[in-house]
Amino acid sequence: TEMRYQVKAIEGPEQKSWANLFRELLKTAQPTVRVGVGTGESLILPYQFEKTWTEAEEPNIFTENYPTVSGLTPANDLFPSFEPNDRVLYIEIKDGASTLQRKAITQTTTNEGEVFTISFMSPGEGNGTVTNIEWYGGVDAGIGEGTGVVVDTQDNSLSQGAAPWTKTSSESWQVEKTDLRWS
């Protein structure tokens, strides 16, 4: 790279030698941009998802069902109700039917008609070909693979496009999801 400078001489007392002037100019030159990820470093990629729920969807994280009839018991046409704290608890990073990683939601923010969740996947978690991400909720959701109720499956990220995606050991993923209640 060739660097060129235009110098304008002025009359007056000497401030610095010409060598010091150019040394200072080099120090304040354009910042260096690093390309690639070095050893021991990790690249954090945002994966952002959004779902607007409809009232008819079942199961539905925004529906709260309460028994109105004595003796009401679970049935095939009776879907679970989600307490606000149990709406979205875990995600699974999937390669087809295989689970690459199951992880508890790192942060949940709930506003009127909106649930925003963040999950962080470190470099050693969920590596491989990712075909979709599933979100789990419900009172039975736990760290065990497949526990709870699958409340959503996504294979198209607003920030990273359509699956499949490849997660490597030099990447961390920040998986963000916004669930919106119907109007």
N, C-alpha and C. Protein backbone atom coordinates (compact mmCIF):
# COMPACT_ATOMS: atom_id res chain seq x y z
N THR A 1 0.84 -1.17 0.00
CA THR A 1 0.00 0.00 0.00
C THR A 1 0.89 1.24 0.00
N GLU A 2 0.57 2.16 -0.85
CA GLU A 2 1.33 3.41 -0.94
C GLU A 2 0.55 4.50 -0.24
N MET A 3 1.21 5.19 0.67
CA MET A 3 0.56 6.28 1.40
C MET A 3 1.12 7.59 0.89
N ARG A 4 0.26 8.52 0.64
CA ARG A 4 0.68 9.85 0.19
C ARG A 4 0.13 10.89 1.13
N TYR A 5 0.93 11.93 1.37
CA TYR A 5 0.52 13.03 2.24
C TYR A 5 0.74 14.33 1.51
N GLN A 6 -0.11 15.27 1.79
CA GLN A 6 0.06 16.61 1.26
C GLN A 6 0.47 17.50 2.43
N VAL A 7 1.60 18.18 2.29
CA VAL A 7 2.15 18.99 3.37
C VAL A 7 2.05 20.45 2.99
N LYS A 8 1.56 21.25 3.94
CA LYS A 8 1.48 22.68 3.72
C LYS A 8 2.42 23.34 4.71
N ALA A 9 3.42 24.05 4.20
CA ALA A 9 4.40 24.71 5.07
C ALA A 9 3.83 26.04 5.55
N ILE A 10 4.05 26.33 6.81
CA ILE A 10 3.60 27.61 7.37
C ILE A 10 4.78 28.28 8.03
N GLU A 11 4.67 29.54 8.23
CA GLU A 11 5.75 30.30 8.86
C GLU A 11 5.48 30.37 10.35
N GLY A 12 6.49 30.21 11.16
CA GLY A 12 6.33 30.28 12.60
C GLY A 12 7.30 29.37 13.29
N PRO A 13 7.17 29.23 14.61
CA PRO A 13 8.10 28.40 15.35
C PRO A 13 7.92 26.93 15.03
N GLU A 14 8.98 26.16 15.11
CA GLU A 14 8.95 24.73 14.81
C GLU A 14 8.20 24.01 15.93
N GLN A 15 7.22 23.20 15.56
CA GLN A 15 6.48 22.42 16.54
C GLN A 15 7.11 21.04 16.71
N LYS A 16 7.44 20.40 15.61
CA LYS A 16 8.02 19.06 15.62
C LYS A 16 8.91 18.93 14.40
N SER A 17 9.78 17.96 14.46
CA SER A 17 10.60 17.69 13.27
C SER A 17 9.72 17.00 12.25
N TRP A 18 10.15 17.02 11.01
CA TRP A 18 9.37 16.37 9.96
C TRP A 18 9.25 14.88 10.24
N ALA A 19 10.25 14.25 10.79
CA ALA A 19 10.20 12.82 11.10
C ALA A 19 9.13 12.54 12.16
N ASN A 20 9.11 13.37 13.20
CA ASN A 20 8.09 13.19 14.25
C ASN A 20 6.69 13.46 13.73
N LEU A 21 6.56 14.44 12.84
CA LEU A 21 5.26 14.75 12.23
C LEU A 21 4.71 13.52 11.52
N PHE A 22 5.53 12.87 10.68
CA PHE A 22 5.06 11.71 9.93
C PHE A 22 4.86 10.49 10.84
N ARG A 23 5.63 10.35 11.88
CA ARG A 23 5.46 9.26 12.83
C ARG A 23 4.09 9.40 13.50
N GLU A 24 3.72 10.61 13.91
CA GLU A 24 2.42 10.85 14.52
C GLU A 24 1.28 10.61 13.53
N LEU A 25 1.48 10.99 12.27
CA LEU A 25 0.47 10.75 11.24
C LEU A 25 0.24 9.25 11.06
N LEU A 26 1.28 8.46 11.08
CA LEU A 26 1.14 7.01 10.93
C LEU A 26 0.40 6.40 12.11
N LYS A 27 0.65 6.92 13.31
CA LYS A 27 -0.03 6.40 14.49
C LYS A 27 -1.53 6.65 14.43
N THR A 28 -1.94 7.77 13.86
CA THR A 28 -3.36 8.12 13.80
C THR A 28 -3.97 7.79 12.45
N ALA A 29 -3.25 7.01 11.64
CA ALA A 29 -3.79 6.63 10.32
C ALA A 29 -5.02 5.75 10.53
N GLN A 30 -5.62 5.32 9.45
CA GLN A 30 -6.84 4.53 9.51
C GLN A 30 -6.63 3.29 10.38
N PRO A 31 -7.66 2.94 11.16
CA PRO A 31 -7.52 1.78 12.03
C PRO A 31 -7.38 0.49 11.23
N THR A 32 -6.71 -0.47 11.82
CA THR A 32 -6.53 -1.77 11.18
C THR A 32 -7.81 -2.57 11.33
N VAL A 33 -8.24 -3.20 10.26
CA VAL A 33 -9.40 -4.06 10.29
C VAL A 33 -8.90 -5.49 10.23
N ARG A 34 -9.26 -6.29 11.24
CA ARG A 34 -8.81 -7.67 11.27
C ARG A 34 -9.76 -8.52 10.46
N VAL A 35 -9.21 -9.41 9.71
CA VAL A 35 -10.00 -10.32 8.90
C VAL A 35 -9.82 -11.71 9.48
N GLY A 36 -10.93 -12.42 9.73
CA GLY A 36 -10.85 -13.77 10.26
C GLY A 36 -10.91 -13.78 11.77
N VAL A 37 -10.96 -14.99 12.30
CA VAL A 37 -11.03 -15.20 13.74
C VAL A 37 -9.76 -15.93 14.15
N GLY A 38 -9.06 -15.38 15.10
CA GLY A 38 -7.81 -15.98 15.55
C GLY A 38 -8.03 -17.10 16.55
N THR A 39 -6.97 -17.77 16.91
CA THR A 39 -7.01 -18.85 17.88
C THR A 39 -7.51 -18.33 19.22
N GLY A 40 -8.42 -19.05 19.81
CA GLY A 40 -8.96 -18.65 21.10
C GLY A 40 -10.03 -17.59 21.02
N GLU A 41 -10.38 -17.13 19.81
CA GLU A 41 -11.43 -16.12 19.65
C GLU A 41 -12.69 -16.79 19.13
N SER A 42 -13.80 -16.12 19.31
CA SER A 42 -15.08 -16.63 18.84
C SER A 42 -15.87 -15.52 18.19
N LEU A 43 -16.57 -15.86 17.14
CA LEU A 43 -17.41 -14.92 16.41
C LEU A 43 -18.84 -15.10 16.92
N ILE A 44 -19.50 -14.01 17.35
CA ILE A 44 -20.88 -14.10 17.84
C ILE A 44 -21.82 -13.73 16.70
N LEU A 45 -22.65 -14.69 16.31
CA LEU A 45 -23.61 -14.47 15.22
C LEU A 45 -25.01 -14.34 15.78
N PRO A 46 -25.76 -13.33 15.34
CA PRO A 46 -27.15 -13.19 15.79
C PRO A 46 -28.10 -14.02 14.91
N TYR A 47 -28.92 -14.81 15.53
CA TYR A 47 -29.99 -15.52 14.82
C TYR A 47 -31.28 -14.99 15.41
N GLN A 48 -32.06 -14.28 14.59
CA GLN A 48 -33.26 -13.61 15.07
C GLN A 48 -34.49 -14.21 14.41
N PHE A 49 -35.50 -14.48 15.23
CA PHE A 49 -36.74 -15.10 14.76
C PHE A 49 -37.92 -14.31 15.31
N GLU A 50 -39.05 -14.44 14.61
CA GLU A 50 -40.27 -13.77 15.05
C GLU A 50 -41.46 -14.62 14.65
N LYS A 51 -42.45 -14.67 15.53
CA LYS A 51 -43.70 -15.36 15.22
C LYS A 51 -44.86 -14.53 15.74
N THR A 52 -45.84 -14.31 14.89
CA THR A 52 -47.09 -13.70 15.31
C THR A 52 -48.12 -14.82 15.41
N TRP A 53 -48.58 -15.04 16.62
CA TRP A 53 -49.51 -16.12 16.91
C TRP A 53 -50.92 -15.74 16.49
N THR A 54 -51.71 -16.75 16.13
CA THR A 54 -53.14 -16.56 15.90
C THR A 54 -53.89 -17.19 17.07
N GLU A 55 -55.10 -16.74 17.29
CA GLU A 55 -55.89 -17.25 18.41
C GLU A 55 -56.21 -18.74 18.25
N ALA A 56 -56.30 -19.21 17.01
CA ALA A 56 -56.70 -20.59 16.75
C ALA A 56 -55.56 -21.61 16.92
N GLU A 57 -54.32 -21.16 17.00
CA GLU A 57 -53.19 -22.10 17.11
C GLU A 57 -53.23 -22.88 18.41
N GLU A 58 -52.94 -24.18 18.31
CA GLU A 58 -52.89 -25.05 19.48
C GLU A 58 -51.69 -25.96 19.35
N PRO A 59 -50.87 -26.08 20.37
CA PRO A 59 -50.88 -25.33 21.61
C PRO A 59 -50.54 -23.87 21.36
N ASN A 60 -50.90 -23.03 22.31
CA ASN A 60 -50.74 -21.59 22.14
C ASN A 60 -50.21 -20.99 23.44
N ILE A 61 -49.03 -20.37 23.38
CA ILE A 61 -48.40 -19.85 24.60
C ILE A 61 -49.17 -18.68 25.22
N PHE A 62 -50.07 -18.08 24.45
CA PHE A 62 -50.82 -16.94 24.97
C PHE A 62 -52.20 -17.32 25.49
N THR A 63 -52.56 -18.60 25.41
CA THR A 63 -53.86 -19.05 25.88
C THR A 63 -53.73 -19.56 27.31
N GLU A 64 -54.64 -19.15 28.15
CA GLU A 64 -54.71 -19.64 29.52
C GLU A 64 -56.08 -20.29 29.70
N ASN A 65 -56.08 -21.63 29.82
CA ASN A 65 -57.32 -22.39 30.00
C ASN A 65 -57.47 -22.75 31.47
N TYR A 66 -58.67 -22.56 31.98
CA TYR A 66 -58.96 -22.92 33.35
C TYR A 66 -60.19 -23.81 33.36
N PRO A 67 -60.17 -24.87 34.17
CA PRO A 67 -61.32 -25.77 34.18
C PRO A 67 -62.58 -25.05 34.66
N THR A 68 -63.64 -25.21 33.90
CA THR A 68 -64.92 -24.61 34.28
C THR A 68 -65.91 -25.69 34.69
N VAL A 69 -65.56 -26.94 34.39
CA VAL A 69 -66.45 -28.06 34.70
C VAL A 69 -65.74 -28.96 35.70
N SER A 70 -66.39 -29.34 36.71
CA SER A 70 -65.81 -30.24 37.70
C SER A 70 -65.46 -31.57 37.04
N GLY A 71 -64.28 -32.09 37.35
CA GLY A 71 -63.88 -33.38 36.80
C GLY A 71 -63.25 -33.29 35.41
N LEU A 72 -62.94 -32.08 34.92
CA LEU A 72 -62.32 -31.92 33.61
C LEU A 72 -60.93 -32.57 33.62
N THR A 73 -60.67 -33.43 32.66
CA THR A 73 -59.37 -34.11 32.59
C THR A 73 -58.77 -33.93 31.21
N PRO A 74 -57.45 -34.11 31.06
CA PRO A 74 -56.81 -33.95 29.75
C PRO A 74 -57.39 -34.91 28.71
N ALA A 75 -57.43 -34.44 27.48
CA ALA A 75 -57.93 -35.25 26.37
C ALA A 75 -57.18 -34.84 25.10
N ASN A 76 -57.36 -35.61 24.03
CA ASN A 76 -56.66 -35.32 22.77
C ASN A 76 -57.02 -33.97 22.18
N ASP A 77 -58.22 -33.47 22.46
CA ASP A 77 -58.63 -32.18 21.91
C ASP A 77 -58.52 -31.04 22.93
N LEU A 78 -57.88 -31.30 24.05
CA LEU A 78 -57.70 -30.29 25.08
C LEU A 78 -56.20 -30.00 25.19
N PHE A 79 -55.80 -28.83 24.76
CA PHE A 79 -54.39 -28.49 24.72
C PHE A 79 -53.97 -27.79 26.00
N PRO A 80 -52.67 -27.86 26.31
CA PRO A 80 -52.22 -27.30 27.58
C PRO A 80 -52.34 -25.79 27.65
N SER A 81 -52.50 -25.34 28.86
CA SER A 81 -52.49 -23.91 29.14
C SER A 81 -51.10 -23.56 29.64
N PHE A 82 -50.62 -22.39 29.31
CA PHE A 82 -49.28 -21.98 29.71
C PHE A 82 -49.36 -20.85 30.72
N GLU A 83 -48.82 -21.12 31.90
CA GLU A 83 -48.66 -20.04 32.86
C GLU A 83 -47.65 -19.07 32.26
N PRO A 84 -47.76 -17.78 32.52
CA PRO A 84 -46.83 -16.82 31.91
C PRO A 84 -45.36 -17.18 32.09
N ASN A 85 -44.97 -17.74 33.23
CA ASN A 85 -43.56 -18.08 33.46
C ASN A 85 -43.12 -19.36 32.74
N ASP A 86 -44.07 -20.14 32.19
CA ASP A 86 -43.75 -21.41 31.54
C ASP A 86 -43.92 -21.36 30.02
N ARG A 87 -44.11 -20.18 29.45
CA ARG A 87 -44.41 -20.09 28.02
C ARG A 87 -43.27 -20.59 27.14
N VAL A 88 -42.08 -20.10 27.35
CA VAL A 88 -40.91 -20.50 26.56
C VAL A 88 -39.75 -20.69 27.53
N LEU A 89 -39.27 -21.94 27.66
CA LEU A 89 -38.26 -22.24 28.66
C LEU A 89 -36.95 -22.78 28.09
N TYR A 90 -37.01 -23.50 26.97
CA TYR A 90 -35.83 -24.15 26.39
C TYR A 90 -35.86 -24.04 24.87
N ILE A 91 -34.68 -24.17 24.28
CA ILE A 91 -34.60 -24.33 22.83
C ILE A 91 -33.78 -25.58 22.54
N GLU A 92 -34.06 -26.17 21.39
CA GLU A 92 -33.24 -27.27 20.89
C GLU A 92 -32.75 -26.90 19.50
N ILE A 93 -31.46 -27.06 19.31
CA ILE A 93 -30.83 -26.86 18.01
C ILE A 93 -30.84 -28.25 17.36
N LYS A 94 -31.45 -28.36 16.19
CA LYS A 94 -31.70 -29.68 15.59
C LYS A 94 -30.99 -29.85 14.25
N ASP A 95 -30.62 -31.10 13.97
CA ASP A 95 -30.17 -31.55 12.65
C ASP A 95 -31.15 -32.64 12.25
N GLY A 96 -32.21 -32.23 11.57
CA GLY A 96 -33.29 -33.17 11.27
C GLY A 96 -33.96 -33.59 12.56
N ALA A 97 -34.01 -34.91 12.78
CA ALA A 97 -34.63 -35.43 14.01
C ALA A 97 -33.66 -35.47 15.18
N SER A 98 -32.38 -35.28 14.93
CA SER A 98 -31.37 -35.35 15.99
C SER A 98 -31.20 -34.00 16.68
N THR A 99 -31.05 -34.03 17.98
CA THR A 99 -30.82 -32.82 18.76
C THR A 99 -29.32 -32.61 18.91
N LEU A 100 -28.84 -31.46 18.45
CA LEU A 100 -27.43 -31.12 18.62
C LEU A 100 -27.19 -30.50 19.99
N GLN A 101 -28.17 -29.73 20.48
CA GLN A 101 -28.02 -29.07 21.78
C GLN A 101 -29.38 -28.66 22.31
N ARG A 102 -29.60 -28.87 23.59
CA ARG A 102 -30.78 -28.34 24.28
C ARG A 102 -30.26 -27.37 25.32
N LYS A 103 -30.90 -26.23 25.40
CA LYS A 103 -30.38 -25.17 26.25
C LYS A 103 -31.55 -24.41 26.88
N ALA A 104 -31.39 -24.05 28.14
CA ALA A 104 -32.39 -23.21 28.81
C ALA A 104 -32.32 -21.81 28.23
N ILE A 105 -33.45 -21.15 28.17
CA ILE A 105 -33.49 -19.76 27.72
C ILE A 105 -32.65 -18.93 28.69
N THR A 106 -31.78 -18.07 28.13
CA THR A 106 -30.90 -17.25 28.94
C THR A 106 -31.62 -16.07 29.55
N GLN A 107 -32.50 -15.44 28.76
CA GLN A 107 -33.21 -14.25 29.25
C GLN A 107 -34.59 -14.19 28.61
N THR A 108 -35.58 -13.83 29.41
CA THR A 108 -36.95 -13.66 28.92
C THR A 108 -37.46 -12.29 29.35
N THR A 109 -38.04 -11.57 28.40
CA THR A 109 -38.69 -10.29 28.70
C THR A 109 -40.12 -10.40 28.21
N THR A 110 -41.06 -10.15 29.12
CA THR A 110 -42.48 -10.24 28.77
C THR A 110 -43.12 -8.87 28.90
N ASN A 111 -43.76 -8.45 27.82
CA ASN A 111 -44.58 -7.24 27.83
C ASN A 111 -45.98 -7.66 27.42
N GLU A 112 -46.92 -6.77 27.48
CA GLU A 112 -48.30 -7.07 27.09
C GLU A 112 -48.33 -7.60 25.67
N GLY A 113 -48.68 -8.87 25.50
CA GLY A 113 -48.82 -9.45 24.17
C GLY A 113 -47.50 -9.76 23.46
N GLU A 114 -46.40 -9.79 24.21
CA GLU A 114 -45.10 -10.06 23.58
C GLU A 114 -44.19 -10.80 24.55
N VAL A 115 -43.52 -11.82 24.02
CA VAL A 115 -42.50 -12.55 24.78
C VAL A 115 -41.22 -12.51 23.95
N PHE A 116 -40.16 -11.96 24.54
CA PHE A 116 -38.86 -11.86 23.87
C PHE A 116 -37.88 -12.73 24.63
N THR A 117 -37.23 -13.67 23.92
CA THR A 117 -36.28 -14.57 24.58
C THR A 117 -34.93 -14.50 23.88
N ILE A 118 -33.89 -14.74 24.68
CA ILE A 118 -32.52 -14.82 24.17
C ILE A 118 -31.89 -16.10 24.71
N SER A 119 -31.22 -16.82 23.84
CA SER A 119 -30.42 -17.99 24.24
C SER A 119 -29.04 -17.82 23.65
N PHE A 120 -28.04 -18.17 24.43
CA PHE A 120 -26.66 -18.03 23.98
C PHE A 120 -26.04 -19.41 23.83
N MET A 121 -25.53 -19.70 22.64
CA MET A 121 -24.85 -20.96 22.37
C MET A 121 -23.36 -20.67 22.26
N SER A 122 -22.57 -21.22 23.18
CA SER A 122 -21.13 -20.99 23.17
C SER A 122 -20.46 -21.80 22.06
N PRO A 123 -19.17 -21.56 21.80
CA PRO A 123 -18.49 -22.27 20.71
C PRO A 123 -18.56 -23.79 20.79
N GLY A 124 -18.60 -24.36 21.98
CA GLY A 124 -18.62 -25.81 22.11
C GLY A 124 -20.00 -26.43 22.07
N GLU A 125 -21.05 -25.65 21.90
CA GLU A 125 -22.41 -26.17 21.96
C GLU A 125 -23.10 -26.15 20.60
N GLY A 126 -23.80 -27.25 20.29
CA GLY A 126 -24.66 -27.31 19.11
C GLY A 126 -23.93 -27.27 17.78
N ASN A 127 -22.69 -27.71 17.73
CA ASN A 127 -21.94 -27.65 16.47
C ASN A 127 -22.41 -28.71 15.48
N GLY A 128 -22.48 -28.32 14.23
CA GLY A 128 -22.90 -29.21 13.16
C GLY A 128 -23.83 -28.49 12.20
N THR A 129 -24.52 -29.27 11.39
CA THR A 129 -25.50 -28.72 10.45
C THR A 129 -26.82 -28.55 11.18
N VAL A 130 -27.34 -27.34 11.17
CA VAL A 130 -28.58 -27.03 11.88
C VAL A 130 -29.69 -26.85 10.86
N THR A 131 -30.72 -27.69 10.96
CA THR A 131 -31.85 -27.60 10.03
C THR A 131 -33.00 -26.78 10.58
N ASN A 132 -33.12 -26.74 11.91
CA ASN A 132 -34.19 -25.95 12.52
C ASN A 132 -33.92 -25.78 14.01
N ILE A 133 -34.66 -24.86 14.60
CA ILE A 133 -34.60 -24.62 16.04
C ILE A 133 -36.01 -24.76 16.58
N GLU A 134 -36.14 -25.48 17.71
CA GLU A 134 -37.44 -25.67 18.35
C GLU A 134 -37.44 -25.01 19.72
N TRP A 135 -38.57 -24.40 20.06
CA TRP A 135 -38.75 -23.78 21.37
C TRP A 135 -39.73 -24.64 22.17
N TYR A 136 -39.44 -24.83 23.46
CA TYR A 136 -40.25 -25.67 24.33
C TYR A 136 -40.74 -24.87 25.52
N GLY A 137 -41.95 -25.19 25.96
CA GLY A 137 -42.52 -24.56 27.13
C GLY A 137 -43.37 -25.55 27.89
N GLY A 138 -44.08 -25.05 28.87
CA GLY A 138 -44.97 -25.89 29.66
C GLY A 138 -44.34 -26.32 30.96
N VAL A 139 -45.18 -26.75 31.87
CA VAL A 139 -44.74 -27.12 33.21
C VAL A 139 -43.82 -28.33 33.19
N ASP A 140 -43.90 -29.19 32.18
CA ASP A 140 -43.06 -30.39 32.11
C ASP A 140 -41.74 -30.17 31.39
N ALA A 141 -41.48 -28.96 30.90
CA ALA A 141 -40.22 -28.69 30.19
C ALA A 141 -39.06 -28.73 31.17
N GLY A 142 -38.02 -29.46 30.80
CA GLY A 142 -36.83 -29.56 31.64
C GLY A 142 -35.60 -29.69 30.77
N ILE A 143 -34.47 -29.96 31.37
CA ILE A 143 -33.22 -30.05 30.63
C ILE A 143 -33.18 -31.29 29.73
N GLY A 144 -34.00 -32.28 30.03
CA GLY A 144 -34.03 -33.51 29.23
C GLY A 144 -34.54 -33.25 27.81
N GLU A 145 -33.87 -33.85 26.84
CA GLU A 145 -34.22 -33.67 25.43
C GLU A 145 -35.69 -34.01 25.19
N GLY A 146 -36.40 -33.10 24.49
CA GLY A 146 -37.78 -33.32 24.10
C GLY A 146 -38.81 -33.15 25.20
N THR A 147 -38.40 -32.74 26.42
CA THR A 147 -39.38 -32.60 27.49
C THR A 147 -40.14 -31.28 27.33
N GLY A 148 -41.39 -31.31 27.75
CA GLY A 148 -42.24 -30.13 27.60
C GLY A 148 -43.04 -30.21 26.32
N VAL A 149 -43.58 -29.07 25.92
CA VAL A 149 -44.41 -28.97 24.73
C VAL A 149 -43.67 -28.14 23.69
N VAL A 150 -43.57 -28.66 22.46
CA VAL A 150 -42.96 -27.87 21.37
C VAL A 150 -43.93 -26.74 21.06
N VAL A 151 -43.50 -25.49 21.29
CA VAL A 151 -44.38 -24.36 21.05
C VAL A 151 -44.07 -23.67 19.71
N ASP A 152 -42.92 -23.94 19.13
CA ASP A 152 -42.62 -23.37 17.81
C ASP A 152 -41.39 -24.06 17.22
N THR A 153 -41.38 -24.15 15.90
CA THR A 153 -40.24 -24.65 15.15
C THR A 153 -39.96 -23.65 14.05
N GLN A 154 -38.70 -23.24 13.90
CA GLN A 154 -38.33 -22.25 12.88
C GLN A 154 -37.14 -22.76 12.07
N ASP A 155 -37.18 -22.51 10.78
CA ASP A 155 -36.04 -22.85 9.91
C ASP A 155 -35.67 -21.68 9.00
N ASN A 156 -36.11 -20.48 9.38
CA ASN A 156 -35.78 -19.29 8.60
C ASN A 156 -35.54 -18.13 9.56
N SER A 157 -34.29 -17.68 9.61
CA SER A 157 -33.91 -16.60 10.52
C SER A 157 -34.01 -15.26 9.81
N LEU A 158 -34.53 -14.25 10.51
CA LEU A 158 -34.61 -12.90 9.95
C LEU A 158 -33.21 -12.36 9.66
N SER A 159 -32.22 -12.78 10.43
CA SER A 159 -30.86 -12.25 10.28
C SER A 159 -29.94 -13.14 9.47
N GLN A 160 -30.21 -14.45 9.39
CA GLN A 160 -29.28 -15.38 8.72
C GLN A 160 -29.90 -16.14 7.56
N GLY A 161 -31.15 -15.85 7.22
CA GLY A 161 -31.78 -16.52 6.08
C GLY A 161 -32.25 -17.92 6.43
N ALA A 162 -32.52 -18.70 5.38
CA ALA A 162 -33.10 -20.02 5.55
C ALA A 162 -32.05 -21.06 5.94
N ALA A 163 -32.50 -22.07 6.69
CA ALA A 163 -31.65 -23.20 7.05
C ALA A 163 -31.40 -24.03 5.79
N PRO A 164 -30.39 -24.87 5.77
CA PRO A 164 -29.54 -25.25 6.89
C PRO A 164 -28.45 -24.23 7.16
N TRP A 165 -28.08 -24.15 8.45
CA TRP A 165 -26.98 -23.32 8.90
C TRP A 165 -25.90 -24.24 9.44
N THR A 166 -24.68 -23.77 9.47
CA THR A 166 -23.59 -24.58 10.03
C THR A 166 -23.02 -23.84 11.23
N LYS A 167 -23.05 -24.50 12.38
CA LYS A 167 -22.45 -23.93 13.59
C LYS A 167 -21.10 -24.59 13.79
N THR A 168 -20.07 -23.77 13.95
CA THR A 168 -18.71 -24.28 14.14
C THR A 168 -18.21 -23.95 15.54
N SER A 169 -17.08 -24.55 15.89
CA SER A 169 -16.50 -24.33 17.21
C SER A 169 -15.83 -22.97 17.34
N SER A 170 -15.80 -22.18 16.27
CA SER A 170 -15.26 -20.82 16.38
C SER A 170 -16.39 -19.79 16.43
N GLU A 171 -17.64 -20.26 16.56
CA GLU A 171 -18.80 -19.37 16.59
C GLU A 171 -19.57 -19.52 17.89
N SER A 172 -20.11 -18.42 18.34
CA SER A 172 -21.14 -18.40 19.37
C SER A 172 -22.39 -17.89 18.68
N TRP A 173 -23.53 -18.41 19.07
CA TRP A 173 -24.79 -17.93 18.50
C TRP A 173 -25.60 -17.26 19.60
N GLN A 174 -26.18 -16.12 19.26
CA GLN A 174 -27.17 -15.49 20.12
C GLN A 174 -28.51 -15.64 19.41
N VAL A 175 -29.35 -16.52 19.94
CA VAL A 175 -30.65 -16.82 19.33
C VAL A 175 -31.70 -15.96 20.02
N GLU A 176 -32.29 -15.06 19.25
CA GLU A 176 -33.31 -14.14 19.78
C GLU A 176 -34.65 -14.46 19.12
N LYS A 177 -35.71 -14.47 19.91
CA LYS A 177 -37.02 -14.74 19.35
C LYS A 177 -38.05 -13.82 19.97
N THR A 178 -38.90 -13.27 19.11
CA THR A 178 -40.01 -12.44 19.54
C THR A 178 -41.30 -13.17 19.20
N ASP A 179 -42.11 -13.47 20.22
CA ASP A 179 -43.44 -14.06 20.04
C ASP A 179 -44.45 -12.96 20.28
N LEU A 180 -45.32 -12.75 19.30
CA LEU A 180 -46.32 -11.69 19.38
C LEU A 180 -47.72 -12.29 19.43
N ARG A 181 -48.54 -11.79 20.34
CA ARG A 181 -49.93 -12.24 20.46
C ARG A 181 -50.77 -11.58 19.37
N TRP A 182 -51.74 -12.30 18.89
CA TRP A 182 -52.66 -11.75 17.89
C TRP A 182 -53.31 -10.48 18.43
N SER A 183 -53.78 -9.64 17.52
CA SER A 183 -54.42 -8.37 17.93
C SER A 183 -55.88 -8.56 18.25
